[in-house]
Amino acid sequence: MTVDITAAEIPTRDELVSLYDAVGWATYARDPATLHRAMQGSSRVATARRDGQLLGLARVISDGATIAYLQDVVVRPAEQRHGLGKRLVEEAFAPFESVRQKVLLTDDEPGQRAFYESLGFAETRDFDDGSLRAFVKFG
């Protein structure tokens, strides 16, 4: 069966909760209204569907000129390790080819590191001569 990847629509709240719950991201799923509002405020949301079922998504927040931030890459566990995440990231970033900074923040899991490195990302400490720093503040 064919998987359709598009950036044409935002998933419903119920679809988002189901997807985020499937990967254990309960913090997001506990507040469906905020999660849905986050999707609506994103610059681009790429979704993957098979027979109408939401299999995964990737979303980018960007100014369209200097920075594009990859916020989420979420793929149902049964669909992982088949190239779907890569296809979603490529679709989400498609309009931002000329943007210099493509950034993400993720958990420290070996599988995630390998995935993002396979897409050309590098940890800031590994970039160039190690002089690049990244900072984050959670409220």
N, C-alpha and C. Protein backbone atom coordinates (compact mmCIF):
# COMPACT_ATOMS: atom_id res chain seq x y z
N MET A 1 0.82 -1.18 0.00
CA MET A 1 0.00 0.00 0.00
C MET A 1 0.87 1.25 0.00
N THR A 2 0.43 2.24 -0.72
CA THR A 2 1.18 3.47 -0.89
C THR A 2 1.03 4.39 0.31
N VAL A 3 2.13 5.02 0.69
CA VAL A 3 2.12 6.04 1.73
C VAL A 3 2.14 7.40 1.03
N ASP A 4 1.16 8.23 1.35
CA ASP A 4 1.08 9.57 0.77
C ASP A 4 1.69 10.57 1.74
N ILE A 5 2.65 11.35 1.25
CA ILE A 5 3.28 12.39 2.06
C ILE A 5 2.91 13.73 1.44
N THR A 6 2.38 14.61 2.27
CA THR A 6 1.93 15.91 1.81
C THR A 6 2.08 16.94 2.92
N ALA A 7 2.04 18.19 2.54
CA ALA A 7 2.02 19.28 3.51
C ALA A 7 0.76 20.10 3.29
N ALA A 8 -0.31 19.43 2.91
CA ALA A 8 -1.53 20.12 2.52
C ALA A 8 -2.52 20.35 3.65
N GLU A 9 -2.39 19.63 4.76
CA GLU A 9 -3.39 19.76 5.81
C GLU A 9 -2.81 19.48 7.19
N ILE A 10 -3.48 20.03 8.20
CA ILE A 10 -3.11 19.80 9.59
C ILE A 10 -3.99 18.66 10.11
N PRO A 11 -3.39 17.66 10.76
CA PRO A 11 -4.20 16.57 11.33
C PRO A 11 -5.17 17.09 12.39
N THR A 12 -6.22 16.34 12.62
CA THR A 12 -7.19 16.70 13.64
C THR A 12 -6.58 16.50 15.03
N ARG A 13 -7.22 17.06 16.04
CA ARG A 13 -6.75 16.88 17.42
C ARG A 13 -6.68 15.41 17.79
N ASP A 14 -7.73 14.67 17.45
CA ASP A 14 -7.75 13.24 17.79
C ASP A 14 -6.61 12.48 17.11
N GLU A 15 -6.34 12.81 15.86
CA GLU A 15 -5.24 12.16 15.15
C GLU A 15 -3.91 12.48 15.81
N LEU A 16 -3.73 13.73 16.19
CA LEU A 16 -2.48 14.14 16.83
C LEU A 16 -2.28 13.42 18.16
N VAL A 17 -3.33 13.37 18.98
CA VAL A 17 -3.23 12.69 20.27
C VAL A 17 -2.89 11.22 20.07
N SER A 18 -3.54 10.57 19.13
CA SER A 18 -3.27 9.16 18.86
C SER A 18 -1.83 8.94 18.43
N LEU A 19 -1.32 9.79 17.55
CA LEU A 19 0.06 9.66 17.06
C LEU A 19 1.07 9.92 18.17
N TYR A 20 0.90 11.00 18.89
CA TYR A 20 1.85 11.35 19.95
C TYR A 20 1.81 10.33 21.10
N ASP A 21 0.62 9.83 21.41
CA ASP A 21 0.52 8.75 22.42
C ASP A 21 1.25 7.50 21.95
N ALA A 22 1.16 7.19 20.66
CA ALA A 22 1.77 5.97 20.11
C ALA A 22 3.28 5.95 20.31
N VAL A 23 3.90 7.12 20.34
CA VAL A 23 5.35 7.18 20.52
C VAL A 23 5.75 7.57 21.95
N GLY A 24 4.76 7.68 22.83
CA GLY A 24 5.05 7.95 24.23
C GLY A 24 5.29 9.40 24.57
N TRP A 25 4.87 10.31 23.71
CA TRP A 25 5.04 11.73 23.98
C TRP A 25 3.81 12.27 24.70
N ALA A 26 3.59 11.76 25.91
CA ALA A 26 2.38 12.05 26.68
C ALA A 26 2.25 13.52 27.04
N THR A 27 3.35 14.21 27.24
CA THR A 27 3.28 15.63 27.60
C THR A 27 2.54 16.41 26.52
N TYR A 28 2.81 16.11 25.28
CA TYR A 28 2.11 16.78 24.18
C TYR A 28 0.66 16.33 24.11
N ALA A 29 0.42 15.04 24.26
CA ALA A 29 -0.92 14.47 24.08
C ALA A 29 -1.88 14.87 25.19
N ARG A 30 -1.37 15.26 26.35
CA ARG A 30 -2.23 15.65 27.47
C ARG A 30 -2.99 16.94 27.22
N ASP A 31 -2.52 17.75 26.30
CA ASP A 31 -3.16 19.04 26.03
C ASP A 31 -3.43 19.15 24.52
N PRO A 32 -4.48 18.46 24.06
CA PRO A 32 -4.77 18.43 22.62
C PRO A 32 -4.98 19.80 21.99
N ALA A 33 -5.60 20.72 22.71
CA ALA A 33 -5.85 22.05 22.13
C ALA A 33 -4.54 22.78 21.85
N THR A 34 -3.60 22.70 22.79
CA THR A 34 -2.30 23.36 22.59
C THR A 34 -1.52 22.67 21.48
N LEU A 35 -1.55 21.35 21.45
CA LEU A 35 -0.86 20.61 20.39
C LEU A 35 -1.40 21.00 19.02
N HIS A 36 -2.71 21.07 18.90
CA HIS A 36 -3.32 21.44 17.62
C HIS A 36 -2.97 22.88 17.25
N ARG A 37 -2.99 23.78 18.23
CA ARG A 37 -2.63 25.17 17.99
C ARG A 37 -1.16 25.28 17.55
N ALA A 38 -0.29 24.46 18.13
CA ALA A 38 1.12 24.44 17.73
C ALA A 38 1.26 24.05 16.26
N MET A 39 0.49 23.05 15.84
CA MET A 39 0.54 22.64 14.43
C MET A 39 0.08 23.77 13.53
N GLN A 40 -1.02 24.43 13.93
CA GLN A 40 -1.55 25.52 13.11
C GLN A 40 -0.58 26.68 13.02
N GLY A 41 0.24 26.90 14.05
CA GLY A 41 1.21 27.98 14.05
C GLY A 41 2.53 27.64 13.40
N SER A 42 2.69 26.39 13.00
CA SER A 42 3.94 25.96 12.36
C SER A 42 4.03 26.49 10.94
N SER A 43 5.24 26.67 10.46
CA SER A 43 5.46 27.13 9.09
C SER A 43 5.07 26.05 8.09
N ARG A 44 5.35 24.79 8.44
CA ARG A 44 5.04 23.68 7.53
C ARG A 44 4.89 22.41 8.33
N VAL A 45 3.85 21.67 8.03
CA VAL A 45 3.61 20.37 8.65
C VAL A 45 3.48 19.34 7.53
N ALA A 46 4.41 18.41 7.49
CA ALA A 46 4.35 17.33 6.51
C ALA A 46 3.74 16.11 7.19
N THR A 47 2.79 15.47 6.53
CA THR A 47 2.15 14.29 7.10
C THR A 47 2.30 13.10 6.17
N ALA A 48 2.28 11.92 6.79
CA ALA A 48 2.31 10.67 6.04
C ALA A 48 1.04 9.90 6.38
N ARG A 49 0.34 9.44 5.35
CA ARG A 49 -0.89 8.68 5.54
C ARG A 49 -0.92 7.47 4.62
N ARG A 50 -1.55 6.45 5.12
CA ARG A 50 -1.85 5.26 4.31
C ARG A 50 -3.33 4.98 4.52
N ASP A 51 -4.06 4.93 3.43
CA ASP A 51 -5.51 4.71 3.50
C ASP A 51 -6.18 5.65 4.50
N GLY A 52 -5.72 6.90 4.56
CA GLY A 52 -6.31 7.90 5.42
C GLY A 52 -5.78 7.92 6.84
N GLN A 53 -5.07 6.87 7.27
CA GLN A 53 -4.56 6.82 8.64
C GLN A 53 -3.26 7.59 8.74
N LEU A 54 -3.17 8.45 9.77
CA LEU A 54 -1.96 9.23 10.01
C LEU A 54 -0.86 8.33 10.56
N LEU A 55 0.23 8.22 9.80
CA LEU A 55 1.36 7.37 10.18
C LEU A 55 2.47 8.17 10.84
N GLY A 56 2.58 9.45 10.48
CA GLY A 56 3.65 10.26 11.03
C GLY A 56 3.55 11.69 10.55
N LEU A 57 4.40 12.52 11.15
CA LEU A 57 4.47 13.92 10.72
C LEU A 57 5.82 14.50 11.09
N ALA A 58 6.16 15.58 10.41
CA ALA A 58 7.33 16.40 10.74
C ALA A 58 6.88 17.84 10.59
N ARG A 59 7.32 18.69 11.52
CA ARG A 59 6.92 20.09 11.41
C ARG A 59 8.10 21.02 11.61
N VAL A 60 8.05 22.14 10.89
CA VAL A 60 9.11 23.13 10.89
C VAL A 60 8.52 24.48 11.27
N ILE A 61 9.28 25.21 12.07
CA ILE A 61 8.97 26.60 12.41
C ILE A 61 10.10 27.43 11.81
N SER A 62 9.76 28.49 11.05
CA SER A 62 10.80 29.22 10.33
C SER A 62 10.40 30.67 10.05
N ASP A 63 11.42 31.51 9.88
CA ASP A 63 11.16 32.86 9.38
C ASP A 63 11.23 32.90 7.86
N GLY A 64 11.58 31.76 7.26
CA GLY A 64 11.61 31.65 5.82
C GLY A 64 12.84 32.24 5.15
N ALA A 65 13.75 32.80 5.95
CA ALA A 65 14.91 33.46 5.36
C ALA A 65 16.23 33.01 5.98
N THR A 66 16.30 32.97 7.31
CA THR A 66 17.59 32.70 7.95
C THR A 66 17.61 31.46 8.83
N ILE A 67 16.44 31.01 9.31
CA ILE A 67 16.43 29.87 10.21
C ILE A 67 15.17 29.02 9.99
N ALA A 68 15.36 27.73 10.10
CA ALA A 68 14.25 26.77 10.05
C ALA A 68 14.49 25.77 11.17
N TYR A 69 13.54 25.67 12.07
CA TYR A 69 13.67 24.83 13.26
C TYR A 69 12.78 23.60 13.10
N LEU A 70 13.39 22.44 13.11
CA LEU A 70 12.65 21.18 13.03
C LEU A 70 12.15 20.85 14.43
N GLN A 71 10.87 21.02 14.65
CA GLN A 71 10.32 20.85 15.99
C GLN A 71 9.99 19.40 16.29
N ASP A 72 9.27 18.73 15.42
CA ASP A 72 8.85 17.36 15.70
C ASP A 72 9.03 16.47 14.48
N VAL A 73 9.48 15.25 14.75
CA VAL A 73 9.43 14.16 13.79
C VAL A 73 8.82 13.00 14.56
N VAL A 74 7.61 12.62 14.19
CA VAL A 74 6.87 11.60 14.93
C VAL A 74 6.38 10.55 13.94
N VAL A 75 6.79 9.30 14.15
CA VAL A 75 6.38 8.21 13.27
C VAL A 75 5.91 7.05 14.15
N ARG A 76 4.75 6.51 13.83
CA ARG A 76 4.23 5.37 14.59
C ARG A 76 5.29 4.26 14.65
N PRO A 77 5.45 3.63 15.81
CA PRO A 77 6.50 2.62 15.98
C PRO A 77 6.51 1.54 14.90
N ALA A 78 5.37 1.07 14.48
CA ALA A 78 5.33 0.01 13.46
C ALA A 78 5.84 0.48 12.10
N GLU A 79 5.90 1.80 11.90
CA GLU A 79 6.33 2.36 10.62
C GLU A 79 7.77 2.86 10.66
N GLN A 80 8.41 2.80 11.81
CA GLN A 80 9.78 3.30 11.94
C GLN A 80 10.77 2.37 11.26
N ARG A 81 11.90 2.95 10.88
CA ARG A 81 13.02 2.24 10.24
C ARG A 81 12.71 1.74 8.82
N HIS A 82 11.83 2.48 8.16
CA HIS A 82 11.50 2.17 6.76
C HIS A 82 11.68 3.39 5.86
N GLY A 83 12.33 4.45 6.38
CA GLY A 83 12.59 5.64 5.58
C GLY A 83 11.51 6.70 5.65
N LEU A 84 10.46 6.44 6.40
CA LEU A 84 9.35 7.40 6.47
C LEU A 84 9.76 8.70 7.15
N GLY A 85 10.49 8.61 8.25
CA GLY A 85 10.94 9.81 8.94
C GLY A 85 11.78 10.69 8.05
N LYS A 86 12.69 10.09 7.30
CA LYS A 86 13.53 10.85 6.37
C LYS A 86 12.68 11.55 5.32
N ARG A 87 11.72 10.84 4.77
CA ARG A 87 10.85 11.44 3.75
C ARG A 87 10.04 12.60 4.33
N LEU A 88 9.58 12.45 5.56
CA LEU A 88 8.82 13.51 6.21
C LEU A 88 9.69 14.75 6.44
N VAL A 89 10.91 14.55 6.92
CA VAL A 89 11.82 15.68 7.15
C VAL A 89 12.12 16.38 5.83
N GLU A 90 12.39 15.63 4.80
CA GLU A 90 12.67 16.23 3.49
C GLU A 90 11.48 17.07 3.01
N GLU A 91 10.27 16.54 3.17
CA GLU A 91 9.07 17.28 2.75
C GLU A 91 8.86 18.53 3.61
N ALA A 92 9.09 18.40 4.91
CA ALA A 92 8.90 19.54 5.81
C ALA A 92 9.90 20.65 5.50
N PHE A 93 11.12 20.30 5.16
CA PHE A 93 12.17 21.29 4.87
C PHE A 93 12.17 21.77 3.42
N ALA A 94 11.38 21.18 2.54
CA ALA A 94 11.43 21.48 1.11
C ALA A 94 11.43 22.97 0.77
N PRO A 95 10.58 23.78 1.37
CA PRO A 95 10.59 25.20 0.99
C PRO A 95 11.73 26.01 1.61
N PHE A 96 12.54 25.37 2.44
CA PHE A 96 13.57 26.08 3.18
C PHE A 96 14.98 25.69 2.73
N GLU A 97 15.11 25.26 1.50
CA GLU A 97 16.41 24.83 0.95
C GLU A 97 17.49 25.90 1.11
N SER A 98 17.13 27.17 0.87
CA SER A 98 18.13 28.24 0.90
C SER A 98 18.35 28.81 2.30
N VAL A 99 17.63 28.35 3.27
CA VAL A 99 17.79 28.83 4.64
C VAL A 99 19.09 28.26 5.20
N ARG A 100 19.93 29.13 5.75
CA ARG A 100 21.27 28.73 6.20
C ARG A 100 21.22 27.84 7.43
N GLN A 101 20.47 28.23 8.45
CA GLN A 101 20.45 27.48 9.70
C GLN A 101 19.24 26.56 9.77
N LYS A 102 19.51 25.29 9.87
CA LYS A 102 18.47 24.29 10.11
C LYS A 102 18.81 23.66 11.46
N VAL A 103 17.92 23.81 12.41
CA VAL A 103 18.21 23.52 13.80
C VAL A 103 17.19 22.54 14.36
N LEU A 104 17.61 21.76 15.37
CA LEU A 104 16.69 20.92 16.12
C LEU A 104 17.24 20.66 17.50
N LEU A 105 16.35 20.34 18.40
CA LEU A 105 16.69 19.95 19.76
C LEU A 105 16.02 18.62 20.00
N THR A 106 16.77 17.62 20.47
CA THR A 106 16.19 16.29 20.65
C THR A 106 16.78 15.60 21.87
N ASP A 107 16.16 14.50 22.23
CA ASP A 107 16.65 13.71 23.36
C ASP A 107 17.98 13.07 23.04
N ASP A 108 18.70 12.70 24.07
CA ASP A 108 20.01 12.06 23.93
C ASP A 108 19.83 10.54 23.85
N GLU A 109 19.37 10.09 22.70
CA GLU A 109 19.21 8.66 22.45
C GLU A 109 20.05 8.30 21.23
N PRO A 110 20.79 7.20 21.31
CA PRO A 110 21.67 6.83 20.20
C PRO A 110 20.95 6.71 18.85
N GLY A 111 19.74 6.16 18.85
CA GLY A 111 18.99 6.01 17.60
C GLY A 111 18.64 7.35 16.99
N GLN A 112 18.30 8.31 17.83
CA GLN A 112 17.97 9.63 17.32
C GLN A 112 19.21 10.31 16.75
N ARG A 113 20.32 10.18 17.44
CA ARG A 113 21.56 10.77 16.95
C ARG A 113 21.89 10.21 15.56
N ALA A 114 21.84 8.90 15.42
CA ALA A 114 22.14 8.27 14.14
C ALA A 114 21.18 8.74 13.05
N PHE A 115 19.90 8.85 13.39
CA PHE A 115 18.90 9.29 12.42
C PHE A 115 19.22 10.70 11.92
N TYR A 116 19.41 11.63 12.85
CA TYR A 116 19.65 13.02 12.45
C TYR A 116 20.99 13.19 11.76
N GLU A 117 22.01 12.45 12.17
CA GLU A 117 23.29 12.52 11.46
C GLU A 117 23.14 12.00 10.03
N SER A 118 22.29 11.00 9.83
CA SER A 118 22.07 10.48 8.47
C SER A 118 21.41 11.53 7.58
N LEU A 119 20.77 12.53 8.19
CA LEU A 119 20.14 13.62 7.44
C LEU A 119 21.06 14.83 7.29
N GLY A 120 22.30 14.72 7.78
CA GLY A 120 23.27 15.79 7.63
C GLY A 120 23.40 16.72 8.83
N PHE A 121 22.68 16.45 9.90
CA PHE A 121 22.80 17.28 11.10
C PHE A 121 24.04 16.86 11.89
N ALA A 122 24.60 17.81 12.65
CA ALA A 122 25.74 17.53 13.53
C ALA A 122 25.48 18.22 14.85
N GLU A 123 25.97 17.62 15.92
CA GLU A 123 25.89 18.30 17.21
C GLU A 123 26.77 19.53 17.16
N THR A 124 26.35 20.58 17.86
CA THR A 124 27.12 21.83 17.79
C THR A 124 28.56 21.63 18.24
N ARG A 125 28.77 20.78 19.24
CA ARG A 125 30.16 20.57 19.71
C ARG A 125 31.02 19.88 18.66
N ASP A 126 30.40 19.19 17.71
CA ASP A 126 31.14 18.50 16.66
C ASP A 126 31.28 19.34 15.39
N PHE A 127 30.65 20.50 15.35
CA PHE A 127 30.65 21.32 14.16
C PHE A 127 31.92 22.15 14.06
N ASP A 128 32.48 22.17 12.89
CA ASP A 128 33.66 22.98 12.60
C ASP A 128 34.76 22.72 13.63
N ASP A 129 35.19 23.73 14.36
CA ASP A 129 36.28 23.56 15.33
C ASP A 129 35.77 23.46 16.77
N GLY A 130 34.48 23.22 16.93
CA GLY A 130 33.90 23.13 18.27
C GLY A 130 33.58 24.46 18.89
N SER A 131 33.62 25.54 18.11
CA SER A 131 33.40 26.87 18.66
C SER A 131 31.92 27.28 18.66
N LEU A 132 31.06 26.45 18.12
CA LEU A 132 29.64 26.77 18.06
C LEU A 132 28.95 26.29 19.33
N ARG A 133 28.05 27.10 19.89
CA ARG A 133 27.33 26.74 21.10
C ARG A 133 25.83 26.83 20.84
N ALA A 134 25.08 26.03 21.57
CA ALA A 134 23.62 26.09 21.53
C ALA A 134 23.13 26.21 22.98
N PHE A 135 22.09 27.01 23.17
CA PHE A 135 21.53 27.21 24.50
C PHE A 135 20.02 27.01 24.42
N VAL A 136 19.45 26.56 25.52
CA VAL A 136 18.00 26.37 25.58
C VAL A 136 17.53 26.74 26.97
N LYS A 137 16.31 27.26 27.05
CA LYS A 137 15.71 27.59 28.34
C LYS A 137 14.28 27.06 28.34
N PHE A 138 13.99 26.18 29.25
CA PHE A 138 12.63 25.66 29.38
C PHE A 138 11.93 26.42 30.48
N GLY A 139 10.68 26.83 30.23
CA GLY A 139 9.94 27.64 31.20
C GLY A 139 9.10 26.90 32.09
